[in-house]
């Protein structure tokens, strides 16, 4: 299991990352998620991951809930319990209802099954689906 570093014990680089996240979320830095506490021992990785997350989750053509649902779908497919819980929580904060979650899970599971069927049967790609 990863060793967690509490905010008060983080090095200055890790604290700077956590401060930025906490400010953006409007939370106390001491209450930062465990993933950041685990990454605090690896400041290079932490800084790169934080910058990437800030970039991809920023407002854009996709709304925040859609981005959380995509992250959640990948987390379900990859069986990452931590990310399922954290991004499920974030999706609910951004408006996902229980009914939406039920429908979302049906789509994720159908996609997984479809992926396995197409891969297992080695189905050739239709010409119409090829990029031009």
N, C-alpha and C. Protein backbone atom coordinates (compact mmCIF):
# COMPACT_ATOMS: atom_id res chain seq x y z
N UNK A 1 0.85 -1.18 0.00
CA UNK A 1 0.00 0.00 0.00
C UNK A 1 0.89 1.24 0.00
N UNK A 2 0.46 2.25 -0.68
CA UNK A 2 1.23 3.50 -0.77
C UNK A 2 1.31 4.18 0.59
N UNK A 3 2.44 4.80 0.84
CA UNK A 3 2.59 5.60 2.05
C UNK A 3 2.06 6.99 1.75
N UNK A 4 1.19 7.47 2.61
CA UNK A 4 0.58 8.78 2.42
C UNK A 4 1.35 9.82 3.22
N UNK A 5 1.53 10.98 2.59
CA UNK A 5 2.20 12.10 3.24
C UNK A 5 1.16 13.17 3.52
N UNK A 6 0.98 13.49 4.77
CA UNK A 6 0.03 14.54 5.12
C UNK A 6 0.56 15.90 4.65
N UNK A 7 -0.35 16.80 4.40
CA UNK A 7 0.00 18.12 3.87
C UNK A 7 1.09 18.79 4.71
N UNK A 8 0.97 18.75 6.02
CA UNK A 8 1.93 19.44 6.90
C UNK A 8 3.34 18.88 6.74
N UNK A 9 3.46 17.64 6.25
CA UNK A 9 4.76 16.98 6.11
C UNK A 9 5.29 16.97 4.67
N UNK A 10 4.54 17.57 3.75
CA UNK A 10 4.96 17.56 2.34
C UNK A 10 6.11 18.52 2.10
N UNK A 11 6.91 18.17 1.09
CA UNK A 11 7.98 19.08 0.69
C UNK A 11 7.36 20.27 -0.04
N UNK A 12 8.10 21.35 -0.23
CA UNK A 12 7.53 22.56 -0.84
C UNK A 12 6.93 22.34 -2.24
N UNK A 13 7.53 21.50 -3.06
CA UNK A 13 6.98 21.24 -4.40
C UNK A 13 5.61 20.57 -4.31
N UNK A 14 5.50 19.59 -3.44
CA UNK A 14 4.22 18.90 -3.27
C UNK A 14 3.18 19.83 -2.68
N UNK A 15 3.58 20.64 -1.70
CA UNK A 15 2.64 21.60 -1.11
C UNK A 15 2.14 22.58 -2.16
N UNK A 16 3.01 23.00 -3.07
CA UNK A 16 2.59 23.95 -4.12
C UNK A 16 1.51 23.32 -5.01
N UNK A 17 1.68 22.05 -5.35
CA UNK A 17 0.67 21.35 -6.16
C UNK A 17 -0.65 21.29 -5.39
N UNK A 18 -0.58 20.86 -4.16
CA UNK A 18 -1.79 20.72 -3.33
C UNK A 18 -2.45 22.07 -3.11
N UNK A 19 -1.66 23.11 -2.90
CA UNK A 19 -2.23 24.45 -2.72
C UNK A 19 -3.04 24.86 -3.95
N UNK A 20 -2.51 24.59 -5.14
CA UNK A 20 -3.23 24.93 -6.37
C UNK A 20 -4.53 24.16 -6.51
N UNK A 21 -4.49 22.88 -6.21
CA UNK A 21 -5.69 22.04 -6.28
C UNK A 21 -6.72 22.50 -5.25
N UNK A 22 -6.25 22.73 -4.03
CA UNK A 22 -7.16 23.13 -2.94
C UNK A 22 -7.81 24.48 -3.26
N UNK A 23 -7.04 25.40 -3.81
CA UNK A 23 -7.60 26.71 -4.17
C UNK A 23 -8.67 26.56 -5.24
N UNK A 24 -8.39 25.76 -6.26
CA UNK A 24 -9.35 25.55 -7.35
C UNK A 24 -10.64 24.89 -6.85
N UNK A 25 -10.51 24.02 -5.87
CA UNK A 25 -11.67 23.30 -5.33
C UNK A 25 -12.33 24.01 -4.16
N UNK A 26 -11.67 25.02 -3.64
CA UNK A 26 -12.21 25.73 -2.48
C UNK A 26 -12.21 24.87 -1.22
N UNK A 27 -11.13 24.11 -1.04
CA UNK A 27 -11.03 23.24 0.13
C UNK A 27 -9.77 23.56 0.93
N UNK A 28 -9.72 23.04 2.13
CA UNK A 28 -8.52 23.14 2.97
C UNK A 28 -7.47 22.18 2.40
N UNK A 29 -6.24 22.64 2.16
CA UNK A 29 -5.21 21.74 1.62
C UNK A 29 -4.98 20.49 2.46
N UNK A 30 -5.21 20.58 3.76
CA UNK A 30 -5.03 19.41 4.63
C UNK A 30 -6.04 18.30 4.31
N UNK A 31 -7.13 18.65 3.63
CA UNK A 31 -8.15 17.67 3.29
C UNK A 31 -8.02 17.12 1.87
N UNK A 32 -6.85 17.25 1.28
CA UNK A 32 -6.65 16.81 -0.11
C UNK A 32 -6.82 15.29 -0.21
N UNK A 33 -7.20 14.82 -1.38
CA UNK A 33 -7.42 13.40 -1.65
C UNK A 33 -6.15 12.58 -1.41
N UNK A 34 -6.35 11.32 -1.09
CA UNK A 34 -5.24 10.41 -0.83
C UNK A 34 -4.30 10.23 -2.02
N UNK A 35 -4.83 10.31 -3.24
CA UNK A 35 -3.93 10.14 -4.39
C UNK A 35 -2.83 11.19 -4.38
N UNK A 36 -3.16 12.40 -3.98
CA UNK A 36 -2.16 13.47 -3.92
C UNK A 36 -1.22 13.25 -2.75
N UNK A 37 -1.73 12.70 -1.66
CA UNK A 37 -0.88 12.38 -0.51
C UNK A 37 0.11 11.28 -0.88
N UNK A 38 -0.31 10.34 -1.72
CA UNK A 38 0.59 9.27 -2.17
C UNK A 38 1.62 9.81 -3.15
N UNK A 39 1.19 10.67 -4.06
CA UNK A 39 2.11 11.22 -5.06
C UNK A 39 3.08 12.24 -4.48
N UNK A 40 2.79 12.76 -3.30
CA UNK A 40 3.67 13.77 -2.69
C UNK A 40 5.09 13.26 -2.51
N UNK A 41 5.26 11.96 -2.43
CA UNK A 41 6.59 11.37 -2.30
C UNK A 41 7.33 11.37 -3.64
N UNK A 42 6.62 11.70 -4.72
CA UNK A 42 7.17 11.67 -6.07
C UNK A 42 6.82 12.99 -6.78
N UNK A 43 7.48 14.08 -6.40
CA UNK A 43 7.06 15.40 -6.88
C UNK A 43 7.09 15.58 -8.40
N UNK A 44 8.02 14.94 -9.11
CA UNK A 44 8.04 15.07 -10.57
C UNK A 44 6.77 14.49 -11.18
N UNK A 45 6.41 13.30 -10.74
CA UNK A 45 5.19 12.64 -11.22
C UNK A 45 3.97 13.45 -10.82
N UNK A 46 3.96 13.91 -9.58
CA UNK A 46 2.84 14.68 -9.05
C UNK A 46 2.61 15.95 -9.86
N UNK A 47 3.66 16.69 -10.14
CA UNK A 47 3.53 17.93 -10.90
C UNK A 47 3.02 17.67 -12.31
N UNK A 48 3.57 16.65 -12.97
CA UNK A 48 3.12 16.33 -14.35
C UNK A 48 1.66 15.91 -14.37
N UNK A 49 1.28 15.03 -13.43
CA UNK A 49 -0.10 14.54 -13.39
C UNK A 49 -1.07 15.68 -13.06
N UNK A 50 -0.71 16.52 -12.11
CA UNK A 50 -1.57 17.65 -11.74
C UNK A 50 -1.77 18.59 -12.92
N UNK A 51 -0.69 18.86 -13.66
CA UNK A 51 -0.79 19.75 -14.82
C UNK A 51 -1.68 19.13 -15.90
N UNK A 52 -1.52 17.83 -16.11
CA UNK A 52 -2.34 17.15 -17.12
C UNK A 52 -3.81 17.15 -16.71
N UNK A 53 -4.09 16.82 -15.45
CA UNK A 53 -5.47 16.82 -14.97
C UNK A 53 -6.09 18.22 -15.07
N UNK A 54 -5.33 19.23 -14.70
CA UNK A 54 -5.84 20.61 -14.77
C UNK A 54 -6.18 20.96 -16.21
N UNK A 55 -5.34 20.55 -17.13
CA UNK A 55 -5.55 20.85 -18.55
C UNK A 55 -6.77 20.11 -19.11
N UNK A 56 -6.83 18.81 -18.90
CA UNK A 56 -7.91 18.04 -19.54
C UNK A 56 -9.26 18.24 -18.87
N UNK A 57 -9.28 18.58 -17.59
CA UNK A 57 -10.56 18.76 -16.90
C UNK A 57 -11.03 20.21 -16.92
N UNK A 58 -10.24 21.10 -17.53
CA UNK A 58 -10.62 22.51 -17.64
C UNK A 58 -11.83 22.67 -18.56
N UNK A 59 -12.57 23.76 -18.41
CA UNK A 59 -13.71 24.00 -19.31
C UNK A 59 -13.27 23.96 -20.78
N UNK A 60 -14.11 23.35 -21.57
CA UNK A 60 -13.83 23.23 -23.00
C UNK A 60 -15.10 22.90 -23.74
N UNK A 61 -14.98 22.18 -24.82
CA UNK A 61 -16.15 21.79 -25.61
C UNK A 61 -17.01 20.76 -24.88
N UNK A 62 -16.38 19.96 -24.01
CA UNK A 62 -17.12 19.00 -23.18
C UNK A 62 -17.39 19.63 -21.83
N UNK A 63 -18.59 19.44 -21.31
CA UNK A 63 -18.91 19.98 -19.99
C UNK A 63 -18.26 19.12 -18.91
N UNK A 64 -18.21 19.64 -17.69
CA UNK A 64 -17.55 18.97 -16.59
C UNK A 64 -18.11 17.60 -16.26
N UNK A 65 -19.43 17.45 -16.31
CA UNK A 65 -20.03 16.15 -16.02
C UNK A 65 -19.62 15.13 -17.07
N UNK A 66 -19.63 15.52 -18.34
CA UNK A 66 -19.22 14.60 -19.41
C UNK A 66 -17.79 14.14 -19.19
N UNK A 67 -16.90 15.06 -18.83
CA UNK A 67 -15.51 14.69 -18.59
C UNK A 67 -15.40 13.72 -17.42
N UNK A 68 -16.16 13.96 -16.35
CA UNK A 68 -16.13 13.04 -15.21
C UNK A 68 -16.67 11.67 -15.61
N UNK A 69 -17.71 11.62 -16.44
CA UNK A 69 -18.28 10.35 -16.87
C UNK A 69 -17.28 9.58 -17.74
N UNK A 70 -16.54 10.28 -18.59
CA UNK A 70 -15.52 9.61 -19.40
C UNK A 70 -14.45 9.03 -18.49
N UNK A 71 -13.98 9.84 -17.54
CA UNK A 71 -12.96 9.36 -16.61
C UNK A 71 -13.50 8.16 -15.82
N UNK A 72 -14.74 8.24 -15.40
CA UNK A 72 -15.37 7.16 -14.65
C UNK A 72 -15.48 5.90 -15.51
N UNK A 73 -15.85 6.03 -16.77
CA UNK A 73 -15.97 4.87 -17.66
C UNK A 73 -14.62 4.16 -17.83
N UNK A 74 -13.57 4.93 -18.02
CA UNK A 74 -12.23 4.34 -18.15
C UNK A 74 -11.83 3.67 -16.83
N UNK A 75 -12.18 4.29 -15.72
CA UNK A 75 -11.86 3.72 -14.41
C UNK A 75 -12.58 2.41 -14.18
N UNK A 76 -13.84 2.33 -14.60
CA UNK A 76 -14.59 1.08 -14.49
C UNK A 76 -13.93 0.02 -15.38
N UNK A 77 -13.62 0.39 -16.62
CA UNK A 77 -13.00 -0.56 -17.54
C UNK A 77 -11.64 -1.04 -17.03
N UNK A 78 -10.89 -0.16 -16.38
CA UNK A 78 -9.57 -0.51 -15.85
C UNK A 78 -9.64 -1.07 -14.43
N UNK A 79 -10.82 -1.13 -13.85
CA UNK A 79 -11.06 -1.66 -12.51
C UNK A 79 -10.23 -0.95 -11.43
N UNK A 80 -10.21 0.38 -11.52
CA UNK A 80 -9.50 1.18 -10.52
C UNK A 80 -10.50 1.65 -9.46
N UNK A 81 -10.54 0.93 -8.34
CA UNK A 81 -11.49 1.25 -7.28
C UNK A 81 -11.35 2.70 -6.80
N UNK A 82 -10.11 3.15 -6.63
CA UNK A 82 -9.90 4.51 -6.15
C UNK A 82 -10.54 5.52 -7.10
N UNK A 83 -10.26 5.39 -8.39
CA UNK A 83 -10.78 6.35 -9.38
C UNK A 83 -12.28 6.23 -9.57
N UNK A 84 -12.81 5.01 -9.47
CA UNK A 84 -14.26 4.83 -9.56
C UNK A 84 -14.93 5.61 -8.45
N UNK A 85 -14.39 5.51 -7.25
CA UNK A 85 -14.98 6.22 -6.12
C UNK A 85 -14.79 7.73 -6.23
N UNK A 86 -13.58 8.17 -6.55
CA UNK A 86 -13.35 9.62 -6.57
C UNK A 86 -14.07 10.30 -7.73
N UNK A 87 -14.04 9.70 -8.91
CA UNK A 87 -14.70 10.35 -10.05
C UNK A 87 -16.21 10.09 -10.06
N UNK A 88 -16.65 9.02 -9.41
CA UNK A 88 -18.08 8.84 -9.18
C UNK A 88 -18.61 9.94 -8.28
N UNK A 89 -17.84 10.23 -7.24
CA UNK A 89 -18.20 11.32 -6.33
C UNK A 89 -18.25 12.65 -7.09
N UNK A 90 -17.21 12.91 -7.88
CA UNK A 90 -17.16 14.18 -8.63
C UNK A 90 -18.32 14.27 -9.64
N UNK A 91 -18.66 13.15 -10.27
CA UNK A 91 -19.78 13.15 -11.23
C UNK A 91 -21.09 13.46 -10.51
N UNK A 92 -21.26 12.89 -9.32
CA UNK A 92 -22.48 13.20 -8.55
C UNK A 92 -22.49 14.67 -8.15
N UNK A 93 -21.35 15.22 -7.79
CA UNK A 93 -21.27 16.64 -7.45
C UNK A 93 -21.64 17.51 -8.65
N UNK A 94 -21.39 17.01 -9.84
CA UNK A 94 -21.67 17.79 -11.06
C UNK A 94 -23.02 17.44 -11.69
N UNK A 95 -23.84 16.66 -10.96
CA UNK A 95 -25.21 16.45 -11.41
C UNK A 95 -25.62 15.05 -11.80
N UNK A 96 -24.75 14.07 -11.69
CA UNK A 96 -25.14 12.71 -12.05
C UNK A 96 -26.12 12.16 -11.01
N UNK A 97 -27.28 11.75 -11.47
CA UNK A 97 -28.28 11.14 -10.59
C UNK A 97 -28.08 9.63 -10.57
N UNK A 98 -28.78 8.95 -9.67
CA UNK A 98 -28.72 7.48 -9.62
C UNK A 98 -29.24 6.88 -10.92
N UNK A 99 -30.27 7.49 -11.50
CA UNK A 99 -30.82 7.00 -12.77
C UNK A 99 -29.78 7.15 -13.88
N UNK A 100 -29.06 8.27 -13.88
CA UNK A 100 -28.00 8.47 -14.87
C UNK A 100 -26.90 7.44 -14.69
N UNK A 101 -26.54 7.15 -13.42
CA UNK A 101 -25.48 6.18 -13.15
C UNK A 101 -25.88 4.80 -13.65
N UNK A 102 -27.13 4.43 -13.43
CA UNK A 102 -27.61 3.13 -13.91
C UNK A 102 -27.50 3.03 -15.42
N UNK A 103 -27.91 4.08 -16.13
CA UNK A 103 -27.83 4.09 -17.59
C UNK A 103 -26.37 4.11 -18.04
N UNK A 104 -25.57 4.92 -17.37
CA UNK A 104 -24.14 5.00 -17.66
C UNK A 104 -23.48 3.62 -17.56
N UNK A 105 -23.75 2.91 -16.46
CA UNK A 105 -23.15 1.58 -16.27
C UNK A 105 -23.60 0.60 -17.35
N UNK A 106 -24.86 0.70 -17.78
CA UNK A 106 -25.35 -0.18 -18.85
C UNK A 106 -24.56 0.08 -20.14
N UNK A 107 -24.28 1.34 -20.43
CA UNK A 107 -23.50 1.68 -21.63
C UNK A 107 -22.06 1.17 -21.50
N UNK A 108 -21.44 1.40 -20.34
CA UNK A 108 -20.06 0.95 -20.13
C UNK A 108 -19.97 -0.56 -20.29
N UNK A 109 -20.88 -1.29 -19.67
CA UNK A 109 -20.83 -2.75 -19.74
C UNK A 109 -21.11 -3.26 -21.15
N UNK A 110 -22.04 -2.61 -21.87
CA UNK A 110 -22.30 -3.00 -23.25
C UNK A 110 -21.07 -2.72 -24.12
N UNK A 111 -20.41 -1.59 -23.89
CA UNK A 111 -19.21 -1.26 -24.65
C UNK A 111 -18.11 -2.27 -24.39
N UNK A 112 -17.93 -2.65 -23.13
CA UNK A 112 -16.91 -3.66 -22.82
C UNK A 112 -17.20 -4.97 -23.53
N UNK A 113 -18.46 -5.38 -23.48
CA UNK A 113 -18.84 -6.63 -24.15
C UNK A 113 -18.64 -6.51 -25.66
N UNK A 114 -19.07 -5.39 -26.23
CA UNK A 114 -18.89 -5.19 -27.67
C UNK A 114 -17.42 -5.19 -28.07
N UNK A 115 -16.59 -4.55 -27.25
CA UNK A 115 -15.15 -4.54 -27.51
C UNK A 115 -14.60 -5.96 -27.52
N UNK A 116 -14.99 -6.76 -26.53
CA UNK A 116 -14.48 -8.13 -26.43
C UNK A 116 -14.98 -8.99 -27.59
N UNK A 117 -16.24 -8.81 -27.97
CA UNK A 117 -16.77 -9.58 -29.10
C UNK A 117 -16.04 -9.23 -30.40
N UNK A 118 -15.89 -7.94 -30.66
CA UNK A 118 -15.22 -7.52 -31.90
C UNK A 118 -13.76 -7.99 -31.91
N UNK A 119 -13.10 -7.90 -30.76
CA UNK A 119 -11.70 -8.34 -30.68
C UNK A 119 -11.60 -9.86 -30.78
N UNK A 120 -12.44 -10.54 -30.04
CA UNK A 120 -12.39 -12.01 -30.01
C UNK A 120 -12.69 -12.64 -31.35
N UNK A 121 -13.64 -12.08 -32.06
CA UNK A 121 -14.00 -12.60 -33.37
C UNK A 121 -13.16 -11.97 -34.49
N UNK A 122 -12.25 -11.06 -34.10
CA UNK A 122 -11.34 -10.40 -35.05
C UNK A 122 -12.12 -9.80 -36.22
N UNK A 123 -13.17 -9.04 -35.90
CA UNK A 123 -14.05 -8.44 -36.90
C UNK A 123 -13.28 -7.35 -37.66
N UNK A 124 -13.24 -7.43 -39.00
CA UNK A 124 -12.54 -6.40 -39.77
C UNK A 124 -13.32 -5.08 -39.72
N UNK A 125 -12.59 -3.99 -39.78
CA UNK A 125 -13.21 -2.66 -39.72
C UNK A 125 -13.89 -2.36 -41.06
N UNK A 126 -15.12 -1.87 -40.98
CA UNK A 126 -15.87 -1.49 -42.18
C UNK A 126 -15.18 -0.32 -42.88
N UNK A 127 -15.21 -0.32 -44.19
CA UNK A 127 -14.61 0.75 -44.97
C UNK A 127 -15.22 2.10 -44.60
N UNK A 128 -16.51 2.11 -44.31
CA UNK A 128 -17.20 3.36 -43.97
C UNK A 128 -16.67 3.98 -42.67
N UNK A 129 -16.08 3.17 -41.80
CA UNK A 129 -15.58 3.65 -40.51
C UNK A 129 -14.13 4.12 -40.59
N UNK A 130 -13.46 3.88 -41.69
CA UNK A 130 -12.06 4.28 -41.84
C UNK A 130 -11.97 5.79 -41.96
N UNK A 131 -10.94 6.36 -41.32
CA UNK A 131 -10.71 7.80 -41.46
C UNK A 131 -10.24 8.09 -42.87
N UNK A 132 -10.72 9.21 -43.37
CA UNK A 132 -10.34 9.58 -44.74
C UNK A 132 -9.41 10.76 -44.74
